[in-house]
Amino acid sequence: MPAREKSLAKSADVRAFEPTAEQFTQLEEIARVNLGETNDVLAALGADALSRAQFNVLQAGAYFLKLKDQAGHGGFLPALEKAGVNPRAAQEAMQIGAYIASLPADQAKRIAALPKSKVLPLINAEQDVVSELMSEGALDGDDALSVRELRQRLAKAEQARIKAEQTLELRTVENKALQVEAKRAYEGLGIERWCAAAREEAAIQSDVFVNAVDLLEDAWKVHVLGAERGALTRDAFQRQQHIAAGTLFHALGGVCARGAQLMDQISGKFGDAVTAGFNPEFALSPEEVARFDKLRKRIIDDAKIDHANREVERANATPGKRGRKQQKVGK
């Protein structure tokens, strides 16, 4: 039994949902409905009335938005008062109308069909969050979120957005600090900025490359060696393993070949001066290592988060997967 029905069943005032025969007659007359129908017809008529009621709110929002546009600020409130409309109720309807008008057409039609209680929390949500909820069927699918769950999901997304903004601000401050450190380092080592920049990229990007190879090794172990045959025949399974392994092998080959090409360019330009042996001057100073580690860690951490989020997307897209979707990791 859904949570809403349970709460009604447990209500101390449950008798309020059991009108007498006389009360049903009065309700039928005032509401202008025919209650002498079968269960299926009553359910269908009730669902249709709810749908029309929700759509009426959207229509009201459209009317009031146009009224405010035409009447201007000075004429809007007097017009509402004359019509006996509560400004707060009008504002709520206008919020829904303006929100629906701002959405892409395909989303607008789907969201307009939702109950008002679900539309209102979406109004201030980020568009990419709404798009994700819709793609998951979390708003209008068979396993749609309740209003409470929706509010919790949106609150969590908002917290993640705020955290991302704070992280960005922190990184901006860190970058400025690193620039100051870099300037001091250049001066202390007696090298030019372009020389320090080349050393910095060599230190950071080589580690990024090694990290990328580590992630490819994870793909090899998890998605190739660790793959399950399932309903595939042995031959079909091995064929797909060969396809995956071949793609990994030749992708690595291309990267290694590109690296070898760059090494050839460097050796061709400077020869034995850089290739005959390792000169102690080629080594990074302790100050450079300390500074580069901060940059390197940031880049590698971001790459690992992106990798983890791709795994989440693949898991969520698995056919027949039941339960709530996995949540992505924020940077």
C-alpha atoms as a PDB file:
ATOM      1  CA  MET A   1       0.000   0.000   0.000  1.00  0.00           C
ATOM      2  CA  PRO A   2       1.416   3.438  -0.942  1.00  0.00           C
ATOM      3  CA  ALA A   3       2.574   5.681   1.897  1.00  0.00           C
ATOM      4  CA  ARG A   4      -0.269   8.164   1.297  1.00  0.00           C
ATOM      5  CA  GLU A   5      -2.929   5.442   1.619  1.00  0.00           C
ATOM      6  CA  LYS A   6      -1.267   4.122   4.766  1.00  0.00           C
ATOM      7  CA  SER A   7      -1.315   7.556   6.337  1.00  0.00           C
ATOM      8  CA  LEU A   8      -5.010   7.916   5.532  1.00  0.00           C
ATOM      9  CA  ALA A   9      -5.815   4.479   6.894  1.00  0.00           C
ATOM     10  CA  LYS A  10      -4.037   5.320  10.148  1.00  0.00           C
ATOM     11  CA  SER A  11      -5.644   8.747  10.462  1.00  0.00           C
ATOM     12  CA  ALA A  12      -7.576   9.288  13.684  1.00  0.00           C
ATOM     13  CA  ASP A  13     -10.112  11.207  11.627  1.00  0.00           C
ATOM     14  CA  VAL A  14     -10.659   8.431   9.080  1.00  0.00           C
ATOM     15  CA  ARG A  15     -14.453   8.845   9.471  1.00  0.00           C
ATOM     16  CA  ALA A  16     -14.114  12.100   7.530  1.00  0.00           C
ATOM     17  CA  PHE A  17     -13.567   9.915   4.436  1.00  0.00           C
ATOM     18  CA  GLU A  18     -16.782   7.906   4.990  1.00  0.00           C
ATOM     19  CA  PRO A  19     -19.744  10.196   4.083  1.00  0.00           C
ATOM     20  CA  THR A  20     -23.273   9.051   4.822  1.00  0.00           C
ATOM     21  CA  ALA A  21     -25.808   8.404   2.050  1.00  0.00           C
ATOM     22  CA  GLU A  22     -27.305  11.861   2.590  1.00  0.00           C
ATOM     23  CA  GLN A  23     -23.873  13.451   2.417  1.00  0.00           C
ATOM     24  CA  PHE A  24     -23.111  11.617  -0.827  1.00  0.00           C
ATOM     25  CA  THR A  25     -26.357  12.978  -2.298  1.00  0.00           C
ATOM     26  CA  GLN A  26     -25.449  16.503  -1.266  1.00  0.00           C
ATOM     27  CA  LEU A  27     -21.899  16.118  -2.636  1.00  0.00           C
ATOM     28  CA  GLU A  28     -23.245  14.763  -5.926  1.00  0.00           C
ATOM     29  CA  GLU A  29     -25.547  17.753  -6.341  1.00  0.00           C
ATOM     30  CA  ILE A  30     -23.049  20.461  -5.437  1.00  0.00           C
ATOM     31  CA  ALA A  31     -20.101  18.930  -7.328  1.00  0.00           C
ATOM     32  CA  ARG A  32     -22.387  18.222 -10.307  1.00  0.00           C
ATOM     33  CA  VAL A  33     -21.224  14.636 -10.674  1.00  0.00           C
ATOM     34  CA  ASN A  34     -22.882  11.252 -11.104  1.00  0.00           C
ATOM     35  CA  LEU A  35     -21.734   8.889  -8.364  1.00  0.00           C
ATOM     36  CA  GLY A  36     -23.849   5.971  -9.498  1.00  0.00           C
ATOM     37  CA  GLU A  37     -21.025   4.410 -11.524  1.00  0.00           C
ATOM     38  CA  THR A  38     -18.886   1.264 -11.333  1.00  0.00           C
ATOM     39  CA  ASN A  39     -15.563   1.228  -9.502  1.00  0.00           C
ATOM     40  CA  ASP A  40     -13.519   1.474 -12.699  1.00  0.00           C
ATOM     41  CA  VAL A  41     -15.583   4.372 -14.015  1.00  0.00           C
ATOM     42  CA  LEU A  42     -15.399   6.247 -10.693  1.00  0.00           C
ATOM     43  CA  ALA A  43     -11.612   5.819 -10.619  1.00  0.00           C
ATOM     44  CA  ALA A  44     -11.268   6.969 -14.227  1.00  0.00           C
ATOM     45  CA  LEU A  45     -13.521   9.999 -13.684  1.00  0.00           C
ATOM     46  CA  GLY A  46     -11.624  10.966 -10.539  1.00  0.00           C
ATOM     47  CA  ALA A  47      -8.264  10.701 -12.340  1.00  0.00           C
ATOM     48  CA  ASP A  48      -9.582  12.808 -15.215  1.00  0.00           C
ATOM     49  CA  ALA A  49     -10.871  15.476 -12.815  1.00  0.00           C
ATOM     50  CA  LEU A  50      -7.510  15.645 -11.037  1.00  0.00           C
ATOM     51  CA  SER A  51      -5.713  15.998 -14.359  1.00  0.00           C
ATOM     52  CA  ARG A  52      -8.044  18.817 -15.411  1.00  0.00           C
ATOM     53  CA  ALA A  53      -7.580  20.526 -12.036  1.00  0.00           C
ATOM     54  CA  GLN A  54      -3.799  20.483 -12.451  1.00  0.00           C
ATOM     55  CA  PHE A  55      -4.116  21.795 -15.997  1.00  0.00           C
ATOM     56  CA  ASN A  56      -6.471  24.523 -14.776  1.00  0.00           C
ATOM     57  CA  VAL A  57      -3.699  25.830 -12.496  1.00  0.00           C
ATOM     58  CA  LEU A  58      -1.415  26.090 -15.530  1.00  0.00           C
ATOM     59  CA  GLN A  59      -4.150  27.874 -17.470  1.00  0.00           C
ATOM     60  CA  ALA A  60      -4.687  30.282 -14.570  1.00  0.00           C
ATOM     61  CA  GLY A  61      -0.948  31.001 -14.544  1.00  0.00           C
ATOM     62  CA  ALA A  62      -1.029  31.785 -18.261  1.00  0.00           C
ATOM     63  CA  TYR A  63      -3.994  34.169 -17.797  1.00  0.00           C
ATOM     64  CA  PHE A  64      -2.398  35.979 -14.866  1.00  0.00           C
ATOM     65  CA  LEU A  65       0.982  36.303 -16.607  1.00  0.00           C
ATOM     66  CA  LYS A  66      -0.687  37.917 -19.602  1.00  0.00           C
ATOM     67  CA  LEU A  67      -2.798  40.108 -17.299  1.00  0.00           C
ATOM     68  CA  LYS A  68       0.318  41.417 -15.550  1.00  0.00           C
ATOM     69  CA  ASP A  69       1.994  42.020 -18.913  1.00  0.00           C
ATOM     70  CA  GLN A  70      -0.975  44.001 -20.218  1.00  0.00           C
ATOM     71  CA  ALA A  71      -2.146  45.775 -17.081  1.00  0.00           C
ATOM     72  CA  GLY A  72       1.295  46.646 -15.762  1.00  0.00           C
ATOM     73  CA  HIS A  73       2.276  46.732 -12.096  1.00  0.00           C
ATOM     74  CA  GLY A  74      -0.251  49.423 -11.223  1.00  0.00           C
ATOM     75  CA  GLY A  75      -3.217  47.632 -12.780  1.00  0.00           C
ATOM     76  CA  PHE A  76      -2.408  44.021 -11.916  1.00  0.00           C
ATOM     77  CA  LEU A  77      -3.317  43.876  -8.222  1.00  0.00           C
ATOM     78  CA  PRO A  78      -6.522  45.931  -8.622  1.00  0.00           C
ATOM     79  CA  ALA A  79      -7.634  43.549 -11.403  1.00  0.00           C
ATOM     80  CA  LEU A  80      -7.017  40.537  -9.156  1.00  0.00           C
ATOM     81  CA  GLU A  81      -8.907  42.168  -6.289  1.00  0.00           C
ATOM     82  CA  LYS A  82     -11.846  42.948  -8.553  1.00  0.00           C
ATOM     83  CA  ALA A  83     -11.960  39.301  -9.677  1.00  0.00           C
ATOM     84  CA  GLY A  84     -11.720  38.090  -6.056  1.00  0.00           C
ATOM     85  CA  VAL A  85      -8.352  36.348  -6.590  1.00  0.00           C
ATOM     86  CA  ASN A  86      -5.857  35.985  -3.749  1.00  0.00           C
ATOM     87  CA  PRO A  87      -2.535  37.493  -4.989  1.00  0.00           C
ATOM     88  CA  ARG A  88      -0.595  34.679  -3.363  1.00  0.00           C
ATOM     89  CA  ALA A  89      -2.605  32.032  -5.231  1.00  0.00           C
ATOM     90  CA  ALA A  90      -2.137  33.991  -8.454  1.00  0.00           C
ATOM     91  CA  GLN A  91       1.610  34.207  -7.836  1.00  0.00           C
ATOM     92  CA  GLU A  92       1.849  30.438  -7.375  1.00  0.00           C
ATOM     93  CA  ALA A  93      -0.041  29.785 -10.605  1.00  0.00           C
ATOM     94  CA  MET A  94       2.148  32.344 -12.411  1.00  0.00           C
ATOM     95  CA  GLN A  95       5.299  30.633 -11.166  1.00  0.00           C
ATOM     96  CA  ILE A  96       4.109  27.365 -12.698  1.00  0.00           C
ATOM     97  CA  GLY A  97       3.078  29.080 -15.926  1.00  0.00           C
ATOM     98  CA  ALA A  98       6.385  30.932 -16.296  1.00  0.00           C
ATOM     99  CA  TYR A  99       8.344  27.762 -15.521  1.00  0.00           C
ATOM    100  CA  ILE A 100       6.484  25.683 -18.106  1.00  0.00           C
ATOM    101  CA  ALA A 101       6.930  28.450 -20.684  1.00  0.00           C
ATOM    102  CA  SER A 102      10.710  28.481 -20.099  1.00  0.00           C
ATOM    103  CA  LEU A 103      11.216  24.732 -20.662  1.00  0.00           C
ATOM    104  CA  PRO A 104      12.068  22.948 -23.909  1.00  0.00           C
ATOM    105  CA  ALA A 105       8.811  21.871 -25.587  1.00  0.00           C
ATOM    106  CA  ASP A 106       9.260  18.134 -24.973  1.00  0.00           C
ATOM    107  CA  GLN A 107       9.920  18.651 -21.264  1.00  0.00           C
ATOM    108  CA  ALA A 108       7.196  21.278 -20.874  1.00  0.00           C
ATOM    109  CA  LYS A 109       4.458  18.853 -21.936  1.00  0.00           C
ATOM    110  CA  ARG A 110       5.607  16.151 -19.538  1.00  0.00           C
ATOM    111  CA  ILE A 111       6.088  18.462 -16.551  1.00  0.00           C
ATOM    112  CA  ALA A 112       2.761  20.203 -17.193  1.00  0.00           C
ATOM    113  CA  ALA A 113       1.087  16.815 -16.635  1.00  0.00           C
ATOM    114  CA  LEU A 114       2.619  16.458 -13.149  1.00  0.00           C
ATOM    115  CA  PRO A 115       0.758  17.355  -9.958  1.00  0.00           C
ATOM    116  CA  LYS A 116       1.306  20.932  -8.770  1.00  0.00           C
ATOM    117  CA  SER A 117       3.018  19.565  -5.663  1.00  0.00           C
ATOM    118  CA  LYS A 118       5.779  18.153  -7.893  1.00  0.00           C
ATOM    119  CA  VAL A 119       6.039  21.085 -10.282  1.00  0.00           C
ATOM    120  CA  LEU A 120       6.630  23.729  -7.590  1.00  0.00           C
ATOM    121  CA  PRO A 121       9.863  22.140  -6.225  1.00  0.00           C
ATOM    122  CA  LEU A 122      11.246  21.969  -9.768  1.00  0.00           C
ATOM    123  CA  ILE A 123      10.885  25.688 -10.474  1.00  0.00           C
ATOM    124  CA  ASN A 124      14.179  26.686  -8.815  1.00  0.00           C
ATOM    125  CA  ALA A 125      16.045  23.499  -9.698  1.00  0.00           C
ATOM    126  CA  GLU A 126      18.963  23.456 -12.153  1.00  0.00           C
ATOM    127  CA  GLN A 127      17.897  22.480 -15.671  1.00  0.00           C
ATOM    128  CA  ASP A 128      20.435  19.654 -15.932  1.00  0.00           C
ATOM    129  CA  VAL A 129      19.054  18.158 -12.703  1.00  0.00           C
ATOM    130  CA  VAL A 130      15.502  18.252 -14.090  1.00  0.00           C
ATOM    131  CA  SER A 131      16.689  16.692 -17.354  1.00  0.00           C
ATOM    132  CA  GLU A 132      18.394  13.897 -15.430  1.00  0.00           C
ATOM    133  CA  LEU A 133      15.272  13.229 -13.350  1.00  0.00           C
ATOM    134  CA  MET A 134      13.172  13.055 -16.508  1.00  0.00           C
ATOM    135  CA  SER A 135      15.585  10.740 -18.303  1.00  0.00           C
ATOM    136  CA  GLU A 136      15.456   8.399 -15.287  1.00  0.00           C
ATOM    137  CA  GLY A 137      11.659   8.447 -15.186  1.00  0.00           C
ATOM    138  CA  ALA A 138      11.949   9.766 -11.632  1.00  0.00           C
ATOM    139  CA  LEU A 139       9.177  12.328 -12.222  1.00  0.00           C
ATOM    140  CA  ASP A 140       6.582  10.467 -14.254  1.00  0.00           C
ATOM    141  CA  GLY A 141       7.858   6.918 -14.661  1.00  0.00           C
ATOM    142  CA  ASP A 142       6.550   3.683 -13.176  1.00  0.00           C
ATOM    143  CA  ASP A 143       8.867   4.133 -10.192  1.00  0.00           C
ATOM    144  CA  ALA A 144       8.456   7.913  -9.856  1.00  0.00           C
ATOM    145  CA  LEU A 145       9.693   9.691  -6.742  1.00  0.00           C
ATOM    146  CA  SER A 146       7.195  10.832  -4.156  1.00  0.00           C
ATOM    147  CA  VAL A 147       6.995  14.572  -3.451  1.00  0.00           C
ATOM    148  CA  ARG A 148       9.073  14.074  -0.318  1.00  0.00           C
ATOM    149  CA  GLU A 149      11.692  12.011  -2.165  1.00  0.00           C
ATOM    150  CA  LEU A 150      11.766  14.592  -4.945  1.00  0.00           C
ATOM    151  CA  ARG A 151      12.407  17.418  -2.483  1.00  0.00           C
ATOM    152  CA  GLN A 152      15.200  15.379  -0.869  1.00  0.00           C
ATOM    153  CA  ARG A 153      16.766  14.631  -4.253  1.00  0.00           C
ATOM    154  CA  LEU A 154      16.636  18.304  -5.274  1.00  0.00           C
ATOM    155  CA  ALA A 155      18.071  19.392  -1.922  1.00  0.00           C
ATOM    156  CA  LYS A 156      20.958  16.975  -2.383  1.00  0.00           C
ATOM    157  CA  ALA A 157      21.574  18.283  -5.904  1.00  0.00           C
ATOM    158  CA  GLU A 158      21.545  21.870  -4.624  1.00  0.00           C
ATOM    159  CA  GLN A 159      24.066  20.977  -1.922  1.00  0.00           C
ATOM    160  CA  ALA A 160      26.285  19.422  -4.589  1.00  0.00           C
ATOM    161  CA  ARG A 161      25.982  22.589  -6.706  1.00  0.00           C
ATOM    162  CA  ILE A 162      26.941  24.805  -3.767  1.00  0.00           C
ATOM    163  CA  LYS A 163      29.868  22.524  -2.959  1.00  0.00           C
ATOM    164  CA  ALA A 164      31.031  22.688  -6.601  1.00  0.00           C
ATOM    165  CA  GLU A 165      30.891  26.488  -6.531  1.00  0.00           C
ATOM    166  CA  GLN A 166      32.832  26.572  -3.277  1.00  0.00           C
ATOM    167  CA  THR A 167      35.402  24.183  -4.749  1.00  0.00           C
ATOM    168  CA  LEU A 168      35.752  26.408  -7.805  1.00  0.00           C
ATOM    169  CA  GLU A 169      36.276  29.475  -5.606  1.00  0.00           C
ATOM    170  CA  LEU A 170      38.828  27.578  -3.537  1.00  0.00           C
ATOM    171  CA  ARG A 171      40.674  26.485  -6.663  1.00  0.00           C
ATOM    172  CA  THR A 172      40.756  30.052  -7.924  1.00  0.00           C
ATOM    173  CA  VAL A 173      42.415  31.102  -4.677  1.00  0.00           C
ATOM    174  CA  GLU A 174      44.781  28.116  -4.874  1.00  0.00           C
ATOM    175  CA  ASN A 175      45.723  28.971  -8.451  1.00  0.00           C
ATOM    176  CA  LYS A 176      46.666  32.498  -7.444  1.00  0.00           C
ATOM    177  CA  ALA A 177      48.756  31.114  -4.596  1.00  0.00           C
ATOM    178  CA  LEU A 178      50.443  28.650  -6.955  1.00  0.00           C
ATOM    179  CA  GLN A 179      51.266  31.457  -9.364  1.00  0.00           C
ATOM    180  CA  VAL A 180      52.983  33.329  -6.542  1.00  0.00           C
ATOM    181  CA  GLU A 181      54.856  30.163  -5.563  1.00  0.00           C
ATOM    182  CA  ALA A 182      55.848  29.590  -9.183  1.00  0.00           C
ATOM    183  CA  LYS A 183      57.278  33.073  -9.505  1.00  0.00           C
ATOM    184  CA  ARG A 184      59.364  32.556  -6.369  1.00  0.00           C
ATOM    185  CA  ALA A 185      60.485  29.153  -7.628  1.00  0.00           C
ATOM    186  CA  TYR A 186      61.622  30.543 -10.978  1.00  0.00           C
ATOM    187  CA  GLU A 187      63.616  33.233  -9.275  1.00  0.00           C
ATOM    188  CA  GLY A 188      65.122  30.790  -6.774  1.00  0.00           C
ATOM    189  CA  LEU A 189      66.195  28.280  -9.438  1.00  0.00           C
ATOM    190  CA  GLY A 190      67.463  30.912 -11.799  1.00  0.00           C
ATOM    191  CA  ILE A 191      65.439  29.600 -14.765  1.00  0.00           C
ATOM    192  CA  GLU A 192      63.063  31.326 -17.144  1.00  0.00           C
ATOM    193  CA  ARG A 193      59.306  30.832 -17.051  1.00  0.00           C
ATOM    194  CA  TRP A 194      59.254  28.859 -20.321  1.00  0.00           C
ATOM    195  CA  CYS A 195      61.848  26.438 -18.931  1.00  0.00           C
ATOM    196  CA  ALA A 196      59.878  25.998 -15.711  1.00  0.00           C
ATOM    197  CA  ALA A 197      56.625  25.568 -17.686  1.00  0.00           C
ATOM    198  CA  ALA A 198      58.121  22.723 -19.754  1.00  0.00           C
ATOM    199  CA  ARG A 199      59.361  20.990 -16.616  1.00  0.00           C
ATOM    200  CA  GLU A 200      55.973  21.457 -14.959  1.00  0.00           C
ATOM    201  CA  GLU A 201      54.101  19.914 -17.892  1.00  0.00           C
ATOM    202  CA  ALA A 202      56.612  17.062 -18.095  1.00  0.00           C
ATOM    203  CA  ALA A 203      56.084  16.236 -14.424  1.00  0.00           C
ATOM    204  CA  ILE A 204      52.298  16.586 -14.404  1.00  0.00           C
ATOM    205  CA  GLN A 205      51.313  15.131 -17.780  1.00  0.00           C
ATOM    206  CA  SER A 206      53.583  12.105 -17.427  1.00  0.00           C
ATOM    207  CA  ASP A 207      51.764  11.221 -14.209  1.00  0.00           C
ATOM    208  CA  VAL A 208      48.421  11.920 -15.883  1.00  0.00           C
ATOM    209  CA  PHE A 209      49.431   9.503 -18.640  1.00  0.00           C
ATOM    210  CA  VAL A 210      50.438   6.840 -16.109  1.00  0.00           C
ATOM    211  CA  ASN A 211      47.091   7.347 -14.337  1.00  0.00           C
ATOM    212  CA  ALA A 212      45.269   6.971 -17.675  1.00  0.00           C
ATOM    213  CA  VAL A 213      47.116   3.718 -18.287  1.00  0.00           C
ATOM    214  CA  ASP A 214      46.116   2.572 -14.791  1.00  0.00           C
ATOM    215  CA  LEU A 215      42.468   3.298 -15.622  1.00  0.00           C
ATOM    216  CA  LEU A 216      42.819   1.396 -18.895  1.00  0.00           C
ATOM    217  CA  GLU A 217      44.271  -1.498 -16.922  1.00  0.00           C
ATOM    218  CA  ASP A 218      41.188  -1.369 -14.694  1.00  0.00           C
ATOM    219  CA  ALA A 219      39.026  -1.552 -17.834  1.00  0.00           C
ATOM    220  CA  TRP A 220      41.072  -4.550 -18.995  1.00  0.00           C
ATOM    221  CA  LYS A 221      40.670  -6.380 -15.696  1.00  0.00           C
ATOM    222  CA  VAL A 222      37.023  -5.441 -14.967  1.00  0.00           C
ATOM    223  CA  HIS A 223      35.396  -5.262 -18.398  1.00  0.00           C
ATOM    224  CA  VAL A 224      37.453  -7.840 -20.323  1.00  0.00           C
ATOM    225  CA  LEU A 225      38.987 -10.392 -17.952  1.00  0.00           C
ATOM    226  CA  GLY A 226      36.153  -9.971 -15.450  1.00  0.00           C
ATOM    227  CA  ALA A 227      33.327 -10.035 -17.999  1.00  0.00           C
ATOM    228  CA  GLU A 228      30.531 -12.565 -17.459  1.00  0.00           C
ATOM    229  CA  ARG A 229      29.457 -14.705 -20.384  1.00  0.00           C
ATOM    230  CA  GLY A 230      25.769 -14.615 -19.487  1.00  0.00           C
ATOM    231  CA  ALA A 231      23.536 -15.894 -22.299  1.00  0.00           C
ATOM    232  CA  LEU A 232      26.276 -15.656 -24.942  1.00  0.00           C
ATOM    233  CA  THR A 233      27.737 -18.775 -26.491  1.00  0.00           C
ATOM    234  CA  ARG A 234      31.385 -19.463 -25.760  1.00  0.00           C
ATOM    235  CA  ASP A 235      32.400 -18.422 -29.281  1.00  0.00           C
ATOM    236  CA  ALA A 236      30.336 -15.211 -29.169  1.00  0.00           C
ATOM    237  CA  PHE A 237      31.738 -14.369 -25.734  1.00  0.00           C
ATOM    238  CA  GLN A 238      35.335 -14.881 -26.847  1.00  0.00           C
ATOM    239  CA  ARG A 239      34.718 -12.850 -30.009  1.00  0.00           C
ATOM    240  CA  GLN A 240      33.536  -9.856 -27.964  1.00  0.00           C
ATOM    241  CA  GLN A 241      36.471 -10.259 -25.567  1.00  0.00           C
ATOM    242  CA  HIS A 242      38.806 -10.139 -28.561  1.00  0.00           C
ATOM    243  CA  ILE A 243      37.048  -6.987 -29.844  1.00  0.00           C
ATOM    244  CA  ALA A 244      37.409  -5.232 -26.479  1.00  0.00           C
ATOM    245  CA  ALA A 245      41.015  -6.377 -25.976  1.00  0.00           C
ATOM    246  CA  GLY A 246      41.962  -5.372 -29.517  1.00  0.00           C
ATOM    247  CA  THR A 247      40.494  -1.902 -29.037  1.00  0.00           C
ATOM    248  CA  LEU A 248      42.468  -1.432 -25.813  1.00  0.00           C
ATOM    249  CA  PHE A 249      45.678  -2.759 -27.372  1.00  0.00           C
ATOM    250  CA  HIS A 250      45.602  -0.549 -30.450  1.00  0.00           C
ATOM    251  CA  ALA A 251      44.483   2.522 -28.479  1.00  0.00           C
ATOM    252  CA  LEU A 252      47.540   2.073 -26.261  1.00  0.00           C
ATOM    253  CA  GLY A 253      49.660   1.469 -29.343  1.00  0.00           C
ATOM    254  CA  GLY A 254      48.553   4.785 -30.815  1.00  0.00           C
ATOM    255  CA  VAL A 255      49.400   6.666 -27.622  1.00  0.00           C
ATOM    256  CA  CYS A 256      52.776   4.948 -27.270  1.00  0.00           C
ATOM    257  CA  ALA A 257      53.577   5.649 -30.929  1.00  0.00           C
ATOM    258  CA  ARG A 258      52.695   9.311 -30.447  1.00  0.00           C
ATOM    259  CA  GLY A 259      54.957   9.426 -27.390  1.00  0.00           C
ATOM    260  CA  ALA A 260      57.791   7.787 -29.330  1.00  0.00           C
ATOM    261  CA  GLN A 261      57.290  10.320 -32.135  1.00  0.00           C
ATOM    262  CA  LEU A 262      57.647  13.207 -29.698  1.00  0.00           C
ATOM    263  CA  MET A 263      60.778  11.615 -28.185  1.00  0.00           C
ATOM    264  CA  ASP A 264      62.246  11.361 -31.689  1.00  0.00           C
ATOM    265  CA  GLN A 265      61.560  15.064 -32.257  1.00  0.00           C
ATOM    266  CA  ILE A 266      63.342  15.983 -29.026  1.00  0.00           C
ATOM    267  CA  SER A 267      66.352  13.725 -29.666  1.00  0.00           C
ATOM    268  CA  GLY A 268      66.556  14.875 -33.271  1.00  0.00           C
ATOM    269  CA  LYS A 269      66.756  18.492 -32.138  1.00  0.00           C
ATOM    270  CA  PHE A 270      69.196  18.165 -29.225  1.00  0.00           C
ATOM    271  CA  GLY A 271      70.824  14.737 -29.686  1.00  0.00           C
ATOM    272  CA  ASP A 272      73.282  13.529 -27.071  1.00  0.00           C
ATOM    273  CA  ALA A 273      72.780  16.668 -25.002  1.00  0.00           C
ATOM    274  CA  VAL A 274      69.538  15.168 -23.689  1.00  0.00           C
ATOM    275  CA  THR A 275      69.725  11.470 -24.632  1.00  0.00           C
ATOM    276  CA  ALA A 276      73.288  10.401 -23.729  1.00  0.00           C
ATOM    277  CA  GLY A 277      72.545  10.133 -20.030  1.00  0.00           C
ATOM    278  CA  PHE A 278      70.490  11.600 -17.242  1.00  0.00           C
ATOM    279  CA  ASN A 279      71.862  14.974 -16.271  1.00  0.00           C
ATOM    280  CA  PRO A 280      71.211  15.936 -12.622  1.00  0.00           C
ATOM    281  CA  GLU A 281      69.939  19.275 -13.927  1.00  0.00           C
ATOM    282  CA  PHE A 282      67.013  17.417 -15.527  1.00  0.00           C
ATOM    283  CA  ALA A 283      65.757  16.393 -12.060  1.00  0.00           C
ATOM    284  CA  LEU A 284      63.067  18.440 -10.379  1.00  0.00           C
ATOM    285  CA  SER A 285      63.988  20.444  -7.331  1.00  0.00           C
ATOM    286  CA  PRO A 286      62.214  19.686  -4.029  1.00  0.00           C
ATOM    287  CA  GLU A 287      60.356  23.019  -4.374  1.00  0.00           C
ATOM    288  CA  GLU A 288      59.126  22.070  -7.857  1.00  0.00           C
ATOM    289  CA  VAL A 289      58.067  18.610  -6.708  1.00  0.00           C
ATOM    290  CA  ALA A 290      56.045  20.057  -3.820  1.00  0.00           C
ATOM    291  CA  ARG A 291      54.308  22.562  -6.087  1.00  0.00           C
ATOM    292  CA  PHE A 292      53.705  20.154  -8.968  1.00  0.00           C
ATOM    293  CA  ASP A 293      52.228  17.549  -6.634  1.00  0.00           C
ATOM    294  CA  LYS A 294      49.306  19.866  -5.838  1.00  0.00           C
ATOM    295  CA  LEU A 295      48.504  20.418  -9.510  1.00  0.00           C
ATOM    296  CA  ARG A 296      49.078  16.795 -10.412  1.00  0.00           C
ATOM    297  CA  LYS A 297      46.809  15.487  -7.641  1.00  0.00           C
ATOM    298  CA  ARG A 298      44.001  17.812  -8.705  1.00  0.00           C
ATOM    299  CA  ILE A 299      44.117  16.706 -12.349  1.00  0.00           C
ATOM    300  CA  ILE A 300      44.358  13.006 -11.505  1.00  0.00           C
ATOM    301  CA  ASP A 301      41.553  13.223  -8.924  1.00  0.00           C
ATOM    302  CA  ASP A 302      39.294  14.867 -11.505  1.00  0.00           C
ATOM    303  CA  ALA A 303      40.135  12.150 -14.026  1.00  0.00           C
ATOM    304  CA  LYS A 304      39.294   9.446 -11.484  1.00  0.00           C
ATOM    305  CA  ILE A 305      35.963  11.131 -10.659  1.00  0.00           C
ATOM    306  CA  ASP A 306      35.087  11.332 -14.361  1.00  0.00           C
ATOM    307  CA  HIS A 307      35.960   7.642 -14.694  1.00  0.00           C
ATOM    308  CA  ALA A 308      33.806   6.742 -11.681  1.00  0.00           C
ATOM    309  CA  ASN A 309      30.858   8.727 -13.088  1.00  0.00           C
ATOM    310  CA  ARG A 310      31.106   6.902 -16.419  1.00  0.00           C
ATOM    311  CA  GLU A 311      30.907   3.630 -14.484  1.00  0.00           C
ATOM    312  CA  VAL A 312      27.791   4.949 -12.711  1.00  0.00           C
ATOM    313  CA  GLU A 313      26.198   5.879 -16.044  1.00  0.00           C
ATOM    314  CA  ARG A 314      26.946   2.426 -17.431  1.00  0.00           C
ATOM    315  CA  ALA A 315      25.510   0.753 -14.322  1.00  0.00           C
ATOM    316  CA  ASN A 316      22.350   2.883 -14.441  1.00  0.00           C
ATOM    317  CA  ALA A 317      21.877   2.069 -18.131  1.00  0.00           C
ATOM    318  CA  THR A 318      22.092  -1.693 -17.546  1.00  0.00           C
ATOM    319  CA  PRO A 319      18.888  -3.309 -18.900  1.00  0.00           C
ATOM    320  CA  GLY A 320      16.688  -4.794 -16.185  1.00  0.00           C
ATOM    321  CA  LYS A 321      18.417  -2.878 -13.399  1.00  0.00           C
ATOM    322  CA  ARG A 322      16.024  -2.447 -10.469  1.00  0.00           C
ATOM    323  CA  GLY A 323      15.969   0.070  -7.659  1.00  0.00           C
ATOM    324  CA  ARG A 324      17.064   3.669  -7.469  1.00  0.00           C
ATOM    325  CA  LYS A 325      19.772   4.943  -9.777  1.00  0.00           C
ATOM    326  CA  GLN A 326      23.310   5.271  -8.456  1.00  0.00           C
ATOM    327  CA  GLN A 327      24.365   8.831  -7.772  1.00  0.00           C
ATOM    328  CA  LYS A 328      27.310  10.414  -9.549  1.00  0.00           C
ATOM    329  CA  VAL A 329      30.329  11.669  -7.652  1.00  0.00           C
ATOM    330  CA  GLY A 330      30.823  15.432  -7.496  1.00  0.00           C
ATOM    331  CA  LYS A 331      34.179  17.107  -8.055  1.00  0.00           C
END
